N, C-alpha and C. Protein backbone atom coordinates (compact mmCIF):
# COMPACT_ATOMS: atom_id res chain seq x y z
N MET A 1 75.00 93.32 147.16
CA MET A 1 74.12 94.15 147.95
C MET A 1 74.41 93.91 149.43
N SER A 2 74.80 94.94 150.15
CA SER A 2 75.05 94.84 151.58
C SER A 2 73.76 94.99 152.36
N ALA A 3 73.68 94.30 153.49
CA ALA A 3 72.50 94.40 154.34
C ALA A 3 72.90 94.29 155.80
N ARG A 4 72.07 94.88 156.63
CA ARG A 4 72.30 94.84 158.07
C ARG A 4 70.93 94.92 158.75
N GLU A 5 70.75 94.15 159.81
CA GLU A 5 69.49 94.20 160.55
C GLU A 5 69.74 94.67 161.97
N VAL A 6 68.87 95.56 162.43
CA VAL A 6 68.99 96.15 163.76
C VAL A 6 67.63 96.03 164.44
N GLU A 7 67.62 95.74 165.74
CA GLU A 7 66.38 95.74 166.51
C GLU A 7 66.35 96.97 167.39
N THR A 8 65.20 97.64 167.43
CA THR A 8 65.02 98.77 168.34
C THR A 8 63.81 98.46 169.22
N ARG A 9 63.86 98.92 170.45
CA ARG A 9 62.78 98.63 171.39
C ARG A 9 62.00 99.87 171.81
N SER A 10 62.35 101.03 171.25
CA SER A 10 61.66 102.27 171.60
C SER A 10 61.85 103.29 170.49
N ALA A 11 61.05 104.34 170.56
CA ALA A 11 61.19 105.43 169.59
C ALA A 11 62.58 106.06 169.71
N GLU A 12 63.10 106.15 170.93
CA GLU A 12 64.43 106.74 171.14
C GLU A 12 65.51 105.90 170.47
N GLU A 13 65.39 104.57 170.54
CA GLU A 13 66.38 103.72 169.88
C GLU A 13 66.27 103.82 168.35
N THR A 14 65.05 103.96 167.84
CA THR A 14 64.87 104.13 166.40
C THR A 14 65.47 105.46 165.96
N GLU A 15 65.26 106.52 166.75
CA GLU A 15 65.87 107.81 166.45
C GLU A 15 67.39 107.73 166.50
N ALA A 16 67.92 106.97 167.45
CA ALA A 16 69.38 106.81 167.56
C ALA A 16 69.95 106.13 166.31
N LEU A 17 69.22 105.16 165.75
CA LEU A 17 69.65 104.53 164.50
C LEU A 17 69.67 105.57 163.39
N GLY A 18 68.62 106.39 163.31
CA GLY A 18 68.57 107.45 162.30
C GLY A 18 69.71 108.44 162.48
N GLU A 19 70.02 108.77 163.72
CA GLU A 19 71.12 109.70 163.99
C GLU A 19 72.45 109.12 163.50
N ALA A 20 72.65 107.83 163.73
CA ALA A 20 73.87 107.18 163.24
C ALA A 20 73.92 107.22 161.71
N LEU A 21 72.78 107.02 161.05
CA LEU A 21 72.72 107.12 159.59
C LEU A 21 73.08 108.54 159.13
N GLY A 22 72.55 109.53 159.84
CA GLY A 22 72.87 110.92 159.49
C GLY A 22 74.35 111.22 159.62
N ARG A 23 74.98 110.69 160.66
CA ARG A 23 76.43 110.90 160.83
C ARG A 23 77.23 110.20 159.74
N ALA A 24 76.72 109.06 159.25
CA ALA A 24 77.42 108.28 158.22
C ALA A 24 77.21 108.84 156.82
N ALA A 25 76.20 109.68 156.63
CA ALA A 25 75.89 110.23 155.30
C ALA A 25 76.96 111.21 154.84
N ARG A 26 77.21 111.19 153.53
CA ARG A 26 78.19 112.10 152.94
C ARG A 26 77.57 113.01 151.88
N GLY A 27 76.31 112.75 151.53
CA GLY A 27 75.61 113.56 150.54
C GLY A 27 75.27 112.74 149.32
N GLY A 28 74.07 112.95 148.80
CA GLY A 28 73.60 112.22 147.63
C GLY A 28 72.85 110.94 147.97
N GLU A 29 72.68 110.65 149.26
CA GLU A 29 72.00 109.42 149.66
C GLU A 29 70.48 109.53 149.45
N LEU A 30 69.91 108.45 148.97
CA LEU A 30 68.46 108.29 148.86
C LEU A 30 68.10 107.15 149.81
N ILE A 31 67.37 107.49 150.87
CA ILE A 31 67.02 106.52 151.90
C ILE A 31 65.53 106.23 151.78
N GLY A 32 65.22 105.00 151.38
CA GLY A 32 63.83 104.59 151.16
C GLY A 32 63.28 103.86 152.36
N LEU A 33 62.20 104.39 152.93
CA LEU A 33 61.61 103.83 154.14
C LEU A 33 60.34 103.06 153.80
N VAL A 34 60.30 101.80 154.24
CA VAL A 34 59.19 100.91 153.92
C VAL A 34 58.68 100.30 155.22
N GLY A 35 57.38 100.39 155.46
CA GLY A 35 56.80 99.78 156.66
C GLY A 35 55.39 100.28 156.87
N ASP A 36 54.68 99.58 157.74
CA ASP A 36 53.30 99.93 158.03
C ASP A 36 53.21 101.27 158.76
N LEU A 37 51.98 101.79 158.83
CA LEU A 37 51.73 102.99 159.63
C LEU A 37 52.17 102.73 161.07
N GLY A 38 52.85 103.68 161.66
CA GLY A 38 53.29 103.55 163.05
C GLY A 38 54.52 102.69 163.25
N ALA A 39 55.19 102.31 162.17
CA ALA A 39 56.34 101.41 162.29
C ALA A 39 57.61 102.13 162.74
N GLY A 40 57.67 103.45 162.62
CA GLY A 40 58.85 104.18 163.08
C GLY A 40 59.58 104.96 161.99
N LYS A 41 58.98 105.09 160.83
CA LYS A 41 59.65 105.77 159.71
C LYS A 41 59.98 107.23 160.06
N THR A 42 59.00 107.97 160.58
CA THR A 42 59.25 109.37 160.92
C THR A 42 60.21 109.50 162.10
N CYS A 43 60.16 108.57 163.05
CA CYS A 43 61.14 108.57 164.15
C CYS A 43 62.56 108.48 163.60
N LEU A 44 62.75 107.60 162.63
CA LEU A 44 64.08 107.44 162.04
C LEU A 44 64.50 108.74 161.34
N VAL A 45 63.58 109.40 160.67
CA VAL A 45 63.91 110.66 159.98
C VAL A 45 64.28 111.75 160.99
N ARG A 46 63.60 111.79 162.14
CA ARG A 46 63.98 112.76 163.19
C ARG A 46 65.43 112.54 163.61
N GLY A 47 65.80 111.27 163.82
CA GLY A 47 67.18 110.97 164.17
C GLY A 47 68.14 111.31 163.05
N LEU A 48 67.74 111.04 161.82
CA LEU A 48 68.55 111.38 160.66
C LEU A 48 68.85 112.87 160.65
N ALA A 49 67.83 113.68 160.91
CA ALA A 49 68.03 115.13 160.98
C ALA A 49 69.06 115.48 162.05
N ARG A 50 68.92 114.90 163.21
CA ARG A 50 69.86 115.18 164.32
C ARG A 50 71.29 114.81 163.90
N GLY A 51 71.45 113.67 163.24
CA GLY A 51 72.77 113.24 162.79
C GLY A 51 73.37 114.15 161.74
N LEU A 52 72.51 114.90 161.04
CA LEU A 52 72.99 115.87 160.04
C LEU A 52 73.17 117.26 160.64
N GLY A 53 72.86 117.41 161.93
CA GLY A 53 73.00 118.71 162.58
C GLY A 53 71.80 119.63 162.41
N ILE A 54 70.64 119.04 162.12
CA ILE A 54 69.39 119.78 161.93
C ILE A 54 68.53 119.56 163.18
N ASP A 55 67.80 120.58 163.60
CA ASP A 55 66.92 120.49 164.76
C ASP A 55 65.85 119.43 164.50
N ALA A 56 65.92 118.32 165.21
CA ALA A 56 65.00 117.20 165.00
C ALA A 56 63.57 117.54 165.38
N GLU A 57 63.37 118.53 166.23
CA GLU A 57 62.02 118.92 166.64
C GLU A 57 61.22 119.49 165.47
N ARG A 58 61.89 119.92 164.42
CA ARG A 58 61.21 120.47 163.24
C ARG A 58 60.62 119.38 162.36
N VAL A 59 61.05 118.13 162.54
CA VAL A 59 60.65 117.03 161.66
C VAL A 59 59.31 116.45 162.11
N HIS A 60 58.36 116.44 161.18
CA HIS A 60 57.05 115.84 161.41
C HIS A 60 56.68 115.02 160.18
N SER A 61 55.73 114.15 160.33
CA SER A 61 55.29 113.35 159.19
C SER A 61 54.74 114.27 158.11
N PRO A 62 55.26 114.16 156.89
CA PRO A 62 54.82 115.05 155.82
C PRO A 62 53.62 114.52 155.04
N THR A 63 52.75 113.74 155.68
CA THR A 63 51.66 113.09 154.98
C THR A 63 50.79 114.06 154.18
N PHE A 64 50.55 115.24 154.69
CA PHE A 64 49.69 116.20 153.98
C PHE A 64 50.50 117.17 153.14
N ILE A 65 51.79 117.21 153.35
CA ILE A 65 52.71 118.00 152.52
C ILE A 65 53.70 116.99 151.98
N MET A 66 53.65 116.73 150.70
CA MET A 66 54.41 115.62 150.14
C MET A 66 55.92 115.76 150.31
N VAL A 67 56.45 116.98 150.23
CA VAL A 67 57.89 117.19 150.33
C VAL A 67 58.16 118.30 151.34
N THR A 68 59.02 118.00 152.31
CA THR A 68 59.44 119.00 153.28
C THR A 68 60.96 119.05 153.26
N GLU A 69 61.50 120.25 153.13
CA GLU A 69 62.96 120.42 153.13
C GLU A 69 63.40 121.02 154.45
N TYR A 70 64.49 120.47 154.99
CA TYR A 70 65.08 120.95 156.23
C TYR A 70 66.50 121.40 155.95
N PRO A 71 66.71 122.68 155.71
CA PRO A 71 68.07 123.18 155.48
C PRO A 71 68.82 123.29 156.81
N GLY A 72 70.08 123.65 156.72
CA GLY A 72 70.89 123.79 157.92
C GLY A 72 71.68 122.52 158.13
N GLY A 73 72.38 122.49 159.20
CA GLY A 73 73.23 121.33 159.45
C GLY A 73 74.36 121.27 158.44
N ARG A 74 74.99 120.14 158.35
CA ARG A 74 76.12 120.04 157.42
C ARG A 74 75.70 119.77 155.99
N MET A 75 74.42 119.38 155.80
CA MET A 75 73.83 119.26 154.46
C MET A 75 72.32 119.22 154.64
N PRO A 76 71.56 119.58 153.60
CA PRO A 76 70.11 119.59 153.74
C PRO A 76 69.50 118.18 153.76
N LEU A 77 68.34 118.10 154.40
CA LEU A 77 67.55 116.87 154.44
C LEU A 77 66.23 117.17 153.76
N THR A 78 65.83 116.30 152.84
CA THR A 78 64.53 116.39 152.20
C THR A 78 63.73 115.17 152.61
N HIS A 79 62.52 115.41 153.12
CA HIS A 79 61.65 114.36 153.64
C HIS A 79 60.44 114.27 152.70
N VAL A 80 60.26 113.12 152.07
CA VAL A 80 59.20 112.91 151.09
C VAL A 80 58.26 111.83 151.62
N ASP A 81 56.96 112.03 151.43
CA ASP A 81 55.97 111.04 151.84
C ASP A 81 55.07 110.74 150.65
N LEU A 82 55.07 109.48 150.21
CA LEU A 82 54.30 109.07 149.04
C LEU A 82 52.99 108.38 149.41
N TYR A 83 52.59 108.45 150.68
CA TYR A 83 51.42 107.73 151.17
C TYR A 83 50.15 108.04 150.38
N ARG A 84 49.95 109.28 150.03
CA ARG A 84 48.70 109.69 149.37
C ARG A 84 48.72 109.47 147.85
N LEU A 85 49.82 108.98 147.31
CA LEU A 85 49.91 108.75 145.87
C LEU A 85 49.67 107.28 145.55
N GLU A 86 48.99 107.03 144.46
CA GLU A 86 48.73 105.66 144.02
C GLU A 86 49.97 105.08 143.35
N PRO A 87 50.39 103.89 143.76
CA PRO A 87 51.52 103.27 143.09
C PRO A 87 51.13 102.73 141.72
N PRO A 88 52.05 102.60 140.81
CA PRO A 88 53.45 103.01 140.94
C PRO A 88 53.63 104.50 140.65
N VAL A 89 54.44 105.14 141.48
CA VAL A 89 54.75 106.56 141.31
C VAL A 89 55.97 106.66 140.40
N ASP A 90 55.82 107.37 139.31
CA ASP A 90 56.92 107.55 138.35
C ASP A 90 57.85 108.64 138.86
N ASP A 91 59.12 108.30 139.09
CA ASP A 91 60.07 109.29 139.62
C ASP A 91 60.75 110.09 138.51
N ALA A 92 60.36 109.88 137.26
CA ALA A 92 61.01 110.59 136.16
C ALA A 92 60.50 112.01 136.02
N GLY A 93 59.38 112.34 136.62
CA GLY A 93 58.80 113.68 136.51
C GLY A 93 59.43 114.64 137.51
N LEU A 94 58.58 115.39 138.18
CA LEU A 94 59.04 116.40 139.13
C LEU A 94 59.82 115.81 140.30
N LEU A 95 59.53 114.57 140.66
CA LEU A 95 60.23 113.97 141.80
C LEU A 95 61.71 113.74 141.53
N ARG A 96 62.10 113.58 140.29
CA ARG A 96 63.51 113.30 139.99
C ARG A 96 64.43 114.36 140.61
N ASP A 97 64.08 115.63 140.47
CA ASP A 97 64.90 116.70 141.04
C ASP A 97 64.94 116.63 142.56
N VAL A 98 63.85 116.18 143.16
CA VAL A 98 63.78 116.07 144.62
C VAL A 98 64.59 114.87 145.11
N LEU A 99 64.47 113.74 144.43
CA LEU A 99 65.05 112.49 144.92
C LEU A 99 66.56 112.39 144.75
N TYR A 100 67.11 113.10 143.79
CA TYR A 100 68.52 112.90 143.48
C TYR A 100 69.31 114.19 143.61
N GLY A 101 69.30 114.78 144.81
CA GLY A 101 70.02 116.02 145.06
C GLY A 101 71.36 115.77 145.75
N ASP A 102 71.95 116.85 146.21
CA ASP A 102 73.26 116.76 146.86
C ASP A 102 73.18 116.41 148.34
N GLY A 103 72.04 116.68 148.95
CA GLY A 103 71.88 116.38 150.37
C GLY A 103 71.44 114.95 150.59
N VAL A 104 70.63 114.74 151.63
CA VAL A 104 70.09 113.42 151.95
C VAL A 104 68.58 113.49 151.75
N VAL A 105 68.03 112.48 151.11
CA VAL A 105 66.59 112.41 150.87
C VAL A 105 66.06 111.15 151.56
N ALA A 106 65.03 111.32 152.40
CA ALA A 106 64.36 110.20 153.05
C ALA A 106 62.94 110.13 152.50
N VAL A 107 62.57 108.97 151.96
CA VAL A 107 61.26 108.81 151.31
C VAL A 107 60.44 107.77 152.06
N GLU A 108 59.33 108.22 152.67
CA GLU A 108 58.41 107.29 153.30
C GLU A 108 57.51 106.69 152.23
N TRP A 109 57.15 105.43 152.40
CA TRP A 109 56.36 104.67 151.43
C TRP A 109 57.13 104.51 150.12
N PHE A 110 58.41 104.24 150.28
CA PHE A 110 59.35 104.12 149.17
C PHE A 110 58.95 103.04 148.18
N ASP A 111 58.29 102.00 148.66
CA ASP A 111 57.89 100.89 147.80
C ASP A 111 56.85 101.30 146.76
N ARG A 112 56.35 102.51 146.83
CA ARG A 112 55.39 103.00 145.83
C ARG A 112 56.08 103.57 144.60
N LEU A 113 57.40 103.80 144.67
CA LEU A 113 58.13 104.31 143.52
C LEU A 113 58.25 103.23 142.45
N ALA A 114 58.08 103.63 141.20
CA ALA A 114 58.14 102.68 140.09
C ALA A 114 59.54 102.12 139.88
N SER A 115 60.55 102.97 139.87
CA SER A 115 61.93 102.52 139.60
C SER A 115 62.91 103.42 140.33
N PRO A 116 63.12 103.15 141.61
CA PRO A 116 63.91 104.06 142.42
C PRO A 116 65.41 104.09 142.14
N GLY A 117 65.98 103.07 141.56
CA GLY A 117 67.42 103.06 141.32
C GLY A 117 68.20 102.84 142.61
N ASP A 118 69.45 103.31 142.63
CA ASP A 118 70.31 103.14 143.79
C ASP A 118 69.71 103.81 145.02
N ALA A 119 69.67 103.06 146.12
CA ALA A 119 69.09 103.60 147.35
C ALA A 119 69.51 102.74 148.53
N LEU A 120 69.32 103.30 149.70
CA LEU A 120 69.43 102.54 150.94
C LEU A 120 68.00 102.27 151.39
N ARG A 121 67.56 101.03 151.22
CA ARG A 121 66.18 100.66 151.59
C ARG A 121 66.17 100.26 153.06
N VAL A 122 65.30 100.91 153.83
CA VAL A 122 65.16 100.63 155.25
C VAL A 122 63.75 100.09 155.47
N THR A 123 63.66 98.81 155.84
CA THR A 123 62.38 98.14 156.00
C THR A 123 62.10 97.90 157.48
N PHE A 124 60.93 98.35 157.92
CA PHE A 124 60.51 98.25 159.33
C PHE A 124 59.50 97.12 159.47
N ARG A 125 59.72 96.25 160.46
CA ARG A 125 58.76 95.21 160.80
C ARG A 125 58.52 95.27 162.30
N PHE A 126 57.28 95.07 162.71
CA PHE A 126 56.99 94.96 164.13
C PHE A 126 57.56 93.64 164.61
N ALA A 127 58.28 93.67 165.74
CA ALA A 127 58.90 92.46 166.30
C ALA A 127 58.72 92.49 167.81
N GLY A 128 57.74 91.76 168.31
CA GLY A 128 57.45 91.79 169.74
C GLY A 128 57.04 93.20 170.14
N GLU A 129 57.72 93.75 171.13
CA GLU A 129 57.42 95.12 171.58
C GLU A 129 58.25 96.16 170.86
N GLY A 130 59.10 95.73 169.93
CA GLY A 130 59.97 96.67 169.24
C GLY A 130 59.84 96.57 167.74
N ARG A 131 60.94 96.87 167.07
CA ARG A 131 60.99 96.86 165.61
C ARG A 131 62.25 96.12 165.15
N ALA A 132 62.09 95.37 164.07
CA ALA A 132 63.24 94.81 163.36
C ALA A 132 63.40 95.70 162.14
N ILE A 133 64.56 96.31 162.00
CA ILE A 133 64.80 97.26 160.93
C ILE A 133 65.93 96.73 160.06
N ARG A 134 65.62 96.50 158.80
CA ARG A 134 66.61 95.95 157.85
C ARG A 134 67.07 97.06 156.93
N LEU A 135 68.38 97.23 156.83
CA LEU A 135 68.99 98.20 155.93
C LEU A 135 69.63 97.44 154.79
N GLU A 136 69.21 97.73 153.56
CA GLU A 136 69.75 97.07 152.37
C GLU A 136 70.27 98.13 151.42
N ALA A 137 71.54 98.01 151.07
CA ALA A 137 72.18 98.98 150.19
C ALA A 137 72.16 98.49 148.75
N ASP A 138 71.71 99.37 147.87
CA ASP A 138 71.76 99.11 146.45
C ASP A 138 72.65 100.19 145.85
N GLY A 139 73.84 99.83 145.46
CA GLY A 139 74.79 100.80 144.92
C GLY A 139 75.91 101.09 145.91
N GLY A 140 77.07 101.42 145.37
CA GLY A 140 78.27 101.63 146.17
C GLY A 140 78.15 102.73 147.21
N LEU A 141 77.53 103.85 146.86
CA LEU A 141 77.37 104.95 147.81
C LEU A 141 76.63 104.49 149.06
N HIS A 142 75.60 103.71 148.88
CA HIS A 142 74.79 103.27 150.01
C HIS A 142 75.44 102.13 150.78
N GLU A 143 76.22 101.30 150.09
CA GLU A 143 76.99 100.27 150.79
C GLU A 143 78.00 100.91 151.74
N GLU A 144 78.61 102.02 151.30
CA GLU A 144 79.55 102.74 152.15
C GLU A 144 78.87 103.29 153.40
N VAL A 145 77.63 103.73 153.27
CA VAL A 145 76.89 104.23 154.44
C VAL A 145 76.74 103.11 155.46
N ILE A 146 76.35 101.92 155.02
CA ILE A 146 76.22 100.80 155.95
C ILE A 146 77.56 100.48 156.60
N GLN A 147 78.64 100.53 155.83
CA GLN A 147 79.97 100.24 156.38
C GLN A 147 80.39 101.28 157.42
N ARG A 148 80.01 102.56 157.21
CA ARG A 148 80.37 103.63 158.15
C ARG A 148 79.45 103.69 159.36
N LEU A 149 78.34 102.99 159.32
CA LEU A 149 77.34 103.07 160.37
C LEU A 149 77.90 102.58 161.70
N GLU A 150 77.90 103.46 162.68
CA GLU A 150 78.41 103.13 164.01
C GLU A 150 77.27 103.22 165.00
N LEU A 151 76.92 102.07 165.57
CA LEU A 151 75.84 102.03 166.55
C LEU A 151 76.41 101.87 167.93
N ALA A 152 75.72 102.45 168.91
CA ALA A 152 76.18 102.37 170.32
C ALA A 152 76.00 100.97 170.86
């Protein structure tokens, strides 16, 4: 399992990390976001959209709409928020089609999934005035994303 830790000190730096992830994505990635409210999960997804060539201004927290799809760019982005669901959330039902598509899927509150399988888990921790963000790859596809990740 590959892992990498990055510190960000602003929303812009968190978005830049997401943008780098979007540029490194090749399709089929499941990116699981774990962290407290306000930790930067949606900021990272905005950057992810930008890295995929999607207008980042369209990305908002999908807390009241569980699944939001953003077409366009070089591949689609699906943004899922499991905050309002009681864990463990079984991904074998309707979510399976959403979670394992050809584009990129970013799931907020990923730790609520019962058995997510291969994924790039992104864990946010508050660290001083910024964030410590840990990227852990489970599976070859996601390890390649970490290897391709180019940060400024």
